[in-house]
Amino acid sequence: MPIYHRLGKIPPKRHTQFRKPDGSLYYEQLFGTIGFDGMSMLSYHLYRPTMVREVGKPIDVSPKVAVENNMKSMMLKGLDIQPKDDYLESREAILTNSDVTIHLAAPKKSLTEYFYKNTDADELIFIHKGSGTLRTFIGNIDFGPGDYLLVPRGIIYQIRFDDENNRHFITESHVPIYSPKRYRNWFGQYLEHSPYCERDLKLPTELETHDEKGEFLMKIKKQGMMHKLTYDSHPFDVVGWDGYSFPYGFSIKNFEPITGRVHQPPPVHQTFETSAFVVCSFVPRLYDYHPKAIPSPYHHSNIDSDEVIYYVDGDFMSRNHVEQGYISLHPAGIPHGPHPGAYEGSIGKKETKEWAVMVDTFKPLMVTENALKIDDGTYYQSWLEDK
C-alpha cells in the first residue's frame, strides 16, 4: 500500500548512528519484499532481531487436498467449522492452489502464548464475528465485525480477542496484496472515483516497546511447514519505524458502492488486487435505475477464474437459500447465475441489503478434505427448475 507512515523515535537519516540514552546503538532492520524493489520499512530495535536460542522440529501444515480437478459448483456451510482454543489450530484450509489458500477459522482464545510470522504469504483476514486488537511489532490495530486486516508476509504478530465468539474468512496469498491500481494516481494517492480512500484505513498505532530478555517462542510458517524458534529477546522491542510496508485495516462498511442505470460488472466491487486473484466486497446499495433494468446479475461463464463468495449477512439477491457463513464455489469453465425465480423476481426492486466477500482466482482451486466435510452435496443441482 503506497502510503508513508511512522511511529515512535527514528534518526533523522537512515543507515546512520542512532543511540540509546546510555550511548549504545539501537539496531536497524530493513523489512521489505520483492528483493529491494518492493515496499519496505526501517525499524529500530533495542536488541538484535537475530538472537535465536533454539530451533524446534517443523510440522507440516499444508492443505490436505481431496479434489484436484474440480468441475462441480459447491455450497459450503462455513459456520459448521467448530471453534478451537488455539489461534493457528483453528484455521481450516478449504480451497487452495499455488497462489492462494482460503481458510475458515473460529478461534476462541487470544494468541498470547507465542508470536506468529507467516513468511509464505500475505494474510487478508476478514472479521465476520468478533472484535479485539491485532498486536504487531510495529504497532496495534483495533478491529471489529466487517473489518479486513491485511498483514503483509513477515509481520510478527499476536492477537487479542474481546470474547470467544470469533469467525474469520482468511485469504492467504503467495503474491502481494494491494489496493487496485486503477484507484490510485501515479503518486499512490487514491483518486476521486475510488470507492474508499486514505481516511478509511486503520493504520497501526500504540507502538509497544518491550525491553525484555528471556525465551520467546515464535511460530514461523515457511513452505507449508510450521517452524518453532525460541528467541532471546522480546519480538516487540521496536522503538520506532517508518516506511510503506505495514499491516492495516479496512472496514467493508466503508466501501462505497458504484451503481448505474443497468447492472454493473463485478469489477465495480473490487477491493483488493493481486497478480493471481482479486477480492471484491458486496455491500448494501441501490439497484440499477434504467426503466427496464434487471437488477439481478446476468448468467456468466467463469472461463478464466474460479469464483468464491463468502456470505456475511443480509439477503443475497441472486440466491434462493443462503445463510450467514455459507461459501459458494463456482469453478472456471462452466456458467453460473441467479437461481430460478431470482432473475425475474429482481425486476422492480430498488435496493439490496447484502454483505459478502468474493475471491476470484485466476488458477483453478483444489478442494480440501475440510471443505468436503461442510459441503451441502447438492448445490450444483440448484438451478434445475424442478428443484
Protein backbone atom coordinates (compact mmCIF):
# COMPACT_ATOMS: atom_id res chain seq x y z
CA MET A 1 0.00 0.00 0.00
CA PRO A 2 1.77 3.20 -1.13
CA ILE A 3 1.19 5.32 1.98
CA TYR A 4 4.01 6.56 4.19
CA HIS A 5 3.59 6.00 7.94
CA ARG A 6 5.80 6.30 11.00
CA LEU A 7 5.60 5.61 14.72
CA GLY A 8 7.97 6.17 17.64
CA LYS A 9 11.52 7.52 17.51
CA ILE A 10 13.71 7.33 14.40
CA PRO A 11 17.00 9.01 13.43
CA PRO A 12 16.97 11.98 11.03
CA LYS A 13 18.76 9.98 8.31
CA ARG A 14 18.57 6.25 7.55
CA HIS A 15 21.55 3.92 7.98
CA THR A 16 23.24 6.26 10.44
CA GLN A 17 24.08 6.02 14.13
CA PHE A 18 21.02 6.04 16.38
CA ARG A 19 21.93 5.80 20.03
CA LYS A 20 20.10 4.87 23.21
CA PRO A 21 20.19 7.19 26.25
CA ASP A 22 23.15 5.17 27.59
CA GLY A 23 25.12 5.75 24.41
CA SER A 24 24.82 2.26 22.92
CA LEU A 25 23.30 1.74 19.48
CA TYR A 26 19.78 0.82 18.51
CA TYR A 27 19.70 -1.93 15.88
CA GLU A 28 18.32 -1.00 12.47
CA GLN A 29 16.41 -3.55 10.37
CA LEU A 30 15.25 -3.22 6.78
CA PHE A 31 11.93 -5.03 6.28
CA GLY A 32 10.63 -5.47 2.75
CA THR A 33 9.59 -7.84 -0.01
CA ILE A 34 10.33 -8.30 -3.73
CA GLY A 35 14.04 -8.03 -3.08
CA PHE A 36 14.96 -4.40 -2.63
CA ASP A 37 12.42 -3.27 -5.21
CA GLY A 38 9.13 -3.52 -3.29
CA MET A 39 7.66 -1.51 -0.46
CA SER A 40 9.71 -1.60 2.73
CA MET A 41 10.18 -0.07 6.14
CA LEU A 42 13.06 0.55 8.54
CA SER A 43 12.60 -0.41 12.19
CA TYR A 44 14.86 0.30 15.17
CA HIS A 45 15.24 -2.33 17.89
CA LEU A 46 16.52 -2.44 21.45
CA TYR A 47 18.17 -5.80 20.72
CA ARG A 48 19.46 -7.61 17.66
CA PRO A 49 16.43 -9.21 15.93
CA THR A 50 18.60 -12.23 15.10
CA MET A 51 19.21 -13.83 18.51
CA VAL A 52 17.84 -17.38 18.28
CA ARG A 53 18.24 -19.76 21.24
CA GLU A 54 16.63 -22.87 19.81
CA VAL A 55 15.04 -24.25 16.64
CA GLY A 56 12.37 -26.93 17.04
CA LYS A 57 11.14 -29.65 14.71
CA PRO A 58 8.82 -28.32 11.97
CA ILE A 59 5.27 -29.57 11.46
CA ASP A 60 3.55 -29.97 8.08
CA VAL A 61 0.54 -27.61 7.92
CA SER A 62 -0.02 -27.67 4.15
CA PRO A 63 -3.64 -28.11 2.97
CA LYS A 64 -4.89 -31.69 2.59
CA VAL A 65 -6.33 -31.76 -0.93
CA ALA A 66 -9.24 -34.11 -1.67
CA VAL A 67 -10.27 -32.99 -5.19
CA GLU A 68 -7.54 -31.71 -7.51
CA ASN A 69 -9.61 -31.19 -10.67
CA ASN A 70 -12.97 -29.81 -9.61
CA MET A 71 -15.83 -29.05 -12.01
CA LYS A 72 -18.70 -29.04 -9.52
CA SER A 73 -20.34 -25.97 -8.05
CA MET A 74 -20.39 -26.30 -4.28
CA MET A 75 -22.02 -24.65 -1.27
CA LEU A 76 -20.01 -24.95 1.94
CA LYS A 77 -21.59 -24.32 5.34
CA GLY A 78 -18.83 -22.24 6.84
CA LEU A 79 -20.25 -21.89 10.33
CA ASP A 80 -20.09 -25.68 10.68
CA ILE A 81 -16.35 -25.24 11.32
CA GLN A 82 -16.01 -25.97 15.03
CA PRO A 83 -14.34 -23.41 17.32
CA LYS A 84 -10.93 -24.25 18.74
CA ASP A 85 -8.92 -22.65 21.50
CA ASP A 86 -5.62 -22.15 19.66
CA TYR A 87 -5.45 -19.35 17.08
CA LEU A 88 -3.48 -21.24 14.44
CA GLU A 89 -5.05 -24.64 15.05
CA SER A 90 -8.48 -23.12 14.49
CA ARG A 91 -7.62 -22.38 10.85
CA GLU A 92 -9.04 -24.89 8.39
CA ALA A 93 -7.96 -24.66 4.75
CA ILE A 94 -10.92 -25.25 2.43
CA LEU A 95 -9.72 -24.19 -1.05
CA THR A 96 -6.19 -23.87 -2.40
CA ASN A 97 -3.90 -23.52 -5.40
CA SER A 98 -0.27 -22.49 -5.85
CA ASP A 99 -1.12 -18.79 -5.38
CA VAL A 100 -3.72 -18.68 -2.64
CA THR A 101 -5.26 -20.70 0.17
CA ILE A 102 -8.64 -19.83 1.66
CA HIS A 103 -9.20 -20.69 5.32
CA LEU A 104 -12.06 -20.59 7.78
CA ALA A 105 -11.31 -20.08 11.45
CA ALA A 106 -13.20 -19.87 14.73
CA PRO A 107 -10.55 -19.14 17.38
CA LYS A 108 -11.76 -18.97 20.97
CA LYS A 109 -8.62 -17.86 22.77
CA SER A 110 -6.38 -14.89 22.18
CA LEU A 111 -2.94 -15.52 20.71
CA THR A 112 -0.70 -14.62 23.65
CA GLU A 113 1.41 -17.73 24.39
CA TYR A 114 3.61 -17.35 21.31
CA PHE A 115 4.26 -15.00 18.40
CA TYR A 116 3.38 -15.75 14.78
CA LYS A 117 5.02 -14.86 11.49
CA ASN A 118 3.85 -16.04 8.06
CA THR A 119 6.79 -15.85 5.66
CA ASP A 120 4.92 -17.73 2.91
CA ALA A 121 2.09 -15.31 2.33
CA ASP A 122 0.26 -12.06 2.94
CA GLU A 123 -2.81 -12.68 5.11
CA LEU A 124 -6.12 -10.95 4.43
CA ILE A 125 -8.24 -11.73 7.49
CA PHE A 126 -11.92 -10.82 7.17
CA ILE A 127 -13.56 -10.48 10.59
CA HIS A 128 -17.09 -11.87 10.29
CA LYS A 129 -17.72 -12.07 14.03
CA GLY A 130 -15.76 -10.81 17.00
CA SER A 131 -13.59 -7.87 17.95
CA GLY A 132 -10.21 -7.24 19.51
CA THR A 133 -6.73 -5.93 18.77
CA LEU A 134 -4.13 -7.06 16.27
CA ARG A 135 -0.82 -6.58 18.10
CA THR A 136 2.30 -6.36 15.93
CA PHE A 137 5.95 -5.49 16.45
CA ILE A 138 5.31 -2.15 14.69
CA GLY A 139 2.01 -1.15 16.32
CA ASN A 140 -1.53 -2.23 17.09
CA ILE A 141 -4.84 -2.12 15.20
CA ASP A 142 -8.26 -2.42 16.84
CA PHE A 143 -10.82 -4.36 14.80
CA GLY A 144 -14.46 -5.37 14.80
CA PRO A 145 -17.06 -7.16 12.64
CA GLY A 146 -16.70 -6.32 8.95
CA ASP A 147 -13.02 -5.38 9.10
CA TYR A 148 -10.40 -6.64 6.69
CA LEU A 149 -6.98 -6.96 8.32
CA LEU A 150 -4.17 -7.01 5.77
CA VAL A 151 -1.00 -8.47 7.30
CA PRO A 152 1.98 -8.46 4.91
CA ARG A 153 4.22 -11.52 4.92
CA GLY A 154 6.88 -11.45 7.60
CA ILE A 155 4.98 -9.29 10.08
CA ILE A 156 5.33 -10.65 13.62
CA TYR A 157 2.04 -10.53 15.48
CA GLN A 158 -0.21 -11.65 18.29
CA ILE A 159 -3.97 -11.09 18.50
CA ARG A 160 -6.23 -10.30 21.43
CA PHE A 161 -9.96 -11.09 21.28
CA ASP A 162 -12.65 -9.45 23.39
CA ASP A 163 -14.56 -12.74 23.78
CA GLU A 164 -14.69 -16.31 22.40
CA ASN A 165 -17.20 -15.70 19.59
CA ASN A 166 -14.88 -15.19 16.61
CA ARG A 167 -15.36 -16.14 12.95
CA HIS A 168 -12.77 -15.38 10.28
CA PHE A 169 -12.59 -15.81 6.49
CA ILE A 170 -8.88 -15.76 5.62
CA THR A 171 -7.26 -15.36 2.21
CA GLU A 172 -3.60 -16.36 2.33
CA SER A 173 -1.75 -15.01 -0.71
CA HIS A 174 1.66 -16.04 -2.05
CA VAL A 175 1.74 -12.85 -4.10
CA PRO A 176 1.49 -9.32 -2.61
CA ILE A 177 -1.97 -7.89 -1.96
CA TYR A 178 -2.52 -4.27 -2.99
CA SER A 179 -5.37 -1.83 -3.42
CA PRO A 180 -6.41 -1.76 -7.10
CA LYS A 181 -4.03 0.27 -9.24
CA ARG A 182 -6.89 2.00 -11.08
CA TYR A 183 -7.98 3.59 -7.79
CA ARG A 184 -4.62 5.41 -7.43
CA ASN A 185 -2.72 8.08 -9.34
CA TRP A 186 0.97 7.91 -10.31
CA PHE A 187 1.94 9.04 -6.82
CA GLY A 188 -0.15 6.46 -4.97
CA GLN A 189 -2.94 8.78 -3.81
CA TYR A 190 -6.47 7.43 -4.09
CA LEU A 191 -8.42 9.07 -6.92
CA GLU A 192 -11.84 10.69 -6.69
CA HIS A 193 -13.63 7.70 -8.23
CA SER A 194 -12.16 5.22 -5.73
CA PRO A 195 -14.79 3.52 -3.51
CA TYR A 196 -12.59 4.20 -0.47
CA CYS A 197 -9.68 6.47 0.41
CA GLU A 198 -6.87 7.01 2.91
CA ARG A 199 -9.27 8.29 5.59
CA ASP A 200 -10.99 4.89 5.68
CA LEU A 201 -7.86 2.91 6.54
CA LYS A 202 -6.93 1.77 10.05
CA LEU A 203 -3.18 2.29 10.40
CA PRO A 204 -1.01 0.91 13.23
CA THR A 205 -0.99 2.92 16.46
CA GLU A 206 0.07 2.25 20.07
CA LEU A 207 3.59 1.07 19.41
CA GLU A 208 4.55 -1.40 22.16
CA THR A 209 8.22 -1.45 23.14
CA HIS A 210 9.19 -4.37 25.38
CA ASP A 211 12.66 -4.28 26.94
CA GLU A 212 12.77 -7.95 27.90
CA LYS A 213 15.28 -10.80 27.67
CA GLY A 214 14.32 -14.44 28.14
CA GLU A 215 12.79 -17.19 25.99
CA PHE A 216 10.15 -16.12 23.49
CA LEU A 217 8.53 -18.72 21.25
CA MET A 218 7.80 -17.70 17.66
CA LYS A 219 5.96 -19.91 15.19
CA ILE A 220 7.06 -19.22 11.62
CA LYS A 221 5.27 -20.57 8.56
CA LYS A 222 7.51 -21.30 5.59
CA GLN A 223 6.96 -23.60 2.58
CA GLY A 224 3.87 -25.12 4.19
CA MET A 225 5.76 -26.06 7.36
CA MET A 226 5.32 -24.54 10.82
CA HIS A 227 8.68 -23.92 12.48
CA LYS A 228 9.23 -23.16 16.16
CA LEU A 229 12.06 -20.78 17.04
CA THR A 230 12.88 -19.55 20.52
CA TYR A 231 14.30 -16.02 20.59
CA ASP A 232 16.44 -14.44 23.30
CA SER A 233 14.63 -11.08 23.35
CA HIS A 234 11.01 -9.95 23.12
CA PRO A 235 9.99 -9.57 19.43
CA PHE A 236 8.14 -6.33 20.25
CA ASP A 237 11.26 -4.30 21.05
CA VAL A 238 10.88 -1.62 18.35
CA VAL A 239 11.32 2.00 19.48
CA GLY A 240 10.38 3.48 16.11
CA TRP A 241 9.92 2.80 12.42
CA ASP A 242 8.92 4.38 9.15
CA GLY A 243 8.12 3.29 5.63
CA TYR A 244 5.46 1.79 3.41
CA SER A 245 5.23 -1.90 4.37
CA PHE A 246 2.94 -2.43 7.36
CA PRO A 247 -0.39 -4.03 8.32
CA TYR A 248 -3.62 -2.06 8.11
CA GLY A 249 -7.36 -2.49 8.50
CA PHE A 250 -10.30 -1.52 6.33
CA SER A 251 -13.98 -1.97 7.12
CA ILE A 252 -16.31 -3.36 4.47
CA LYS A 253 -18.80 -0.85 5.88
CA ASN A 254 -16.66 1.95 4.43
CA PHE A 255 -16.75 0.59 0.88
CA GLU A 256 -18.84 2.99 -1.21
CA PRO A 257 -20.76 1.04 -3.90
CA ILE A 258 -20.67 2.05 -7.56
CA THR A 259 -24.07 1.78 -9.24
CA GLY A 260 -25.51 2.53 -12.68
CA ARG A 261 -28.62 2.57 -14.86
CA VAL A 262 -28.01 -1.06 -15.84
CA HIS A 263 -26.33 -3.91 -13.97
CA GLN A 264 -22.67 -3.20 -13.29
CA PRO A 265 -19.98 -5.91 -13.77
CA PRO A 266 -18.19 -7.47 -10.78
CA PRO A 267 -15.04 -5.25 -11.03
CA VAL A 268 -17.03 -2.32 -9.56
CA HIS A 269 -16.98 -4.26 -6.27
CA GLN A 270 -13.21 -4.80 -6.30
CA THR A 271 -11.48 -4.01 -3.02
CA PHE A 272 -8.03 -5.63 -3.33
CA GLU A 273 -5.96 -6.96 -6.21
CA THR A 274 -3.03 -9.27 -6.83
CA SER A 275 -1.45 -10.79 -9.92
CA ALA A 276 -3.23 -14.07 -9.10
CA PHE A 277 -6.70 -13.14 -7.78
CA VAL A 278 -8.97 -10.25 -6.81
CA VAL A 279 -11.12 -9.62 -3.74
CA CYS A 280 -14.48 -7.85 -4.02
CA SER A 281 -16.96 -6.53 -1.43
CA PHE A 282 -20.73 -6.70 -1.92
CA VAL A 283 -22.44 -4.11 0.25
CA PRO A 284 -25.94 -2.60 0.58
CA ARG A 285 -26.63 -0.42 -2.45
CA LEU A 286 -29.31 0.97 -4.74
CA TYR A 287 -30.28 -1.20 -7.67
CA ASP A 288 -30.00 -0.25 -11.34
CA TYR A 289 -32.39 2.54 -12.35
CA HIS A 290 -32.96 2.09 -16.07
CA PRO A 291 -36.76 1.77 -16.53
CA LYS A 292 -36.29 -1.75 -17.93
CA ALA A 293 -33.37 -2.77 -15.74
CA ILE A 294 -32.97 -6.34 -14.43
CA PRO A 295 -31.13 -5.84 -11.12
CA SER A 296 -30.17 -9.49 -10.77
CA PRO A 297 -26.81 -10.49 -12.28
CA TYR A 298 -26.92 -11.94 -15.76
CA HIS A 299 -25.71 -15.51 -16.27
CA HIS A 300 -21.98 -15.56 -16.89
CA SER A 301 -19.28 -18.09 -17.65
CA ASN A 302 -16.23 -18.34 -15.46
CA ILE A 303 -13.79 -19.16 -18.23
CA ASP A 304 -10.70 -17.63 -16.63
CA SER A 305 -11.35 -17.83 -12.89
CA ASP A 306 -12.90 -19.75 -10.04
CA GLU A 307 -15.38 -17.64 -8.05
CA VAL A 308 -15.70 -17.94 -4.28
CA ILE A 309 -18.31 -15.92 -2.34
CA TYR A 310 -18.47 -15.78 1.45
CA TYR A 311 -21.93 -14.70 2.55
CA VAL A 312 -21.72 -12.39 5.56
CA ASP A 313 -25.22 -11.06 6.17
CA GLY A 314 -28.46 -9.94 4.53
CA ASP A 315 -30.49 -11.44 1.70
CA PHE A 316 -28.27 -12.19 -1.29
CA MET A 317 -30.49 -11.36 -4.23
CA SER A 318 -29.28 -13.94 -6.75
CA ARG A 319 -29.51 -16.96 -4.41
CA ASN A 320 -32.67 -18.67 -3.20
CA HIS A 321 -31.29 -20.04 0.05
CA VAL A 322 -28.13 -18.64 1.60
CA GLU A 323 -27.31 -18.26 5.30
CA GLN A 324 -24.55 -16.44 7.16
CA GLY A 325 -21.20 -18.11 6.71
CA TYR A 326 -22.15 -20.07 3.58
CA ILE A 327 -19.49 -20.19 0.85
CA SER A 328 -20.28 -20.79 -2.82
CA LEU A 329 -17.68 -22.12 -5.25
CA HIS A 330 -18.34 -21.69 -8.96
CA PRO A 331 -15.47 -23.32 -10.90
CA ALA A 332 -13.99 -21.98 -14.11
CA GLY A 333 -15.24 -23.43 -17.36
CA ILE A 334 -18.99 -23.55 -16.70
CA PRO A 335 -21.63 -20.80 -16.48
CA HIS A 336 -23.49 -19.82 -13.34
CA GLY A 337 -26.03 -17.17 -12.46
CA PRO A 338 -29.17 -16.38 -10.48
CA HIS A 339 -31.29 -19.19 -9.15
CA PRO A 340 -34.69 -19.95 -10.72
CA GLY A 341 -37.06 -17.08 -9.98
CA ALA A 342 -34.35 -14.68 -8.79
CA TYR A 343 -33.79 -13.19 -12.26
CA GLU A 344 -37.46 -12.40 -12.82
CA GLY A 345 -38.12 -11.58 -9.17
CA SER A 346 -35.50 -8.83 -9.05
CA ILE A 347 -37.40 -6.62 -11.53
CA GLY A 348 -38.82 -3.55 -9.84
CA LYS A 349 -36.80 -3.89 -6.66
CA LYS A 350 -34.96 -0.76 -5.56
CA GLU A 351 -32.12 -1.89 -3.28
CA THR A 352 -30.26 -4.78 -1.71
CA LYS A 353 -29.06 -5.22 1.87
CA GLU A 354 -26.49 -7.94 1.16
CA TRP A 355 -22.98 -8.21 2.61
CA ALA A 356 -20.49 -10.63 1.08
CA VAL A 357 -16.81 -11.11 0.21
CA MET A 358 -15.82 -12.54 -3.18
CA VAL A 359 -12.47 -14.03 -4.19
CA ASP A 360 -11.90 -14.67 -7.91
CA THR A 361 -8.77 -16.70 -8.64
CA PHE A 362 -7.01 -16.94 -11.99
CA LYS A 363 -5.94 -20.55 -11.40
CA PRO A 364 -8.35 -23.38 -10.55
CA LEU A 365 -8.88 -24.08 -6.86
CA MET A 366 -8.45 -27.53 -5.37
CA VAL A 367 -10.96 -28.69 -2.78
CA THR A 368 -9.64 -29.85 0.59
CA GLU A 369 -10.78 -32.60 2.94
CA ASN A 370 -12.04 -29.89 5.30
CA ALA A 371 -14.28 -28.47 2.56
CA LEU A 372 -15.90 -31.82 1.76
CA LYS A 373 -16.97 -32.15 5.40
CA ILE A 374 -19.09 -28.97 5.17
CA ASP A 375 -20.32 -29.30 1.57
CA ASP A 376 -24.12 -29.49 1.22
CA GLY A 377 -23.66 -32.02 -1.59
CA THR A 378 -26.46 -30.84 -3.88
CA TYR A 379 -25.76 -27.20 -4.69
CA TYR A 380 -24.67 -27.97 -8.26
CA GLN A 381 -28.26 -29.08 -8.98
CA SER A 382 -29.88 -25.97 -7.51
CA TRP A 383 -30.51 -24.32 -10.92
CA LEU A 384 -32.84 -27.13 -12.06
CA GLU A 385 -36.36 -25.72 -12.22
CA ASP A 386 -37.89 -28.82 -10.61
CA LYS A 387 -35.68 -28.24 -7.56
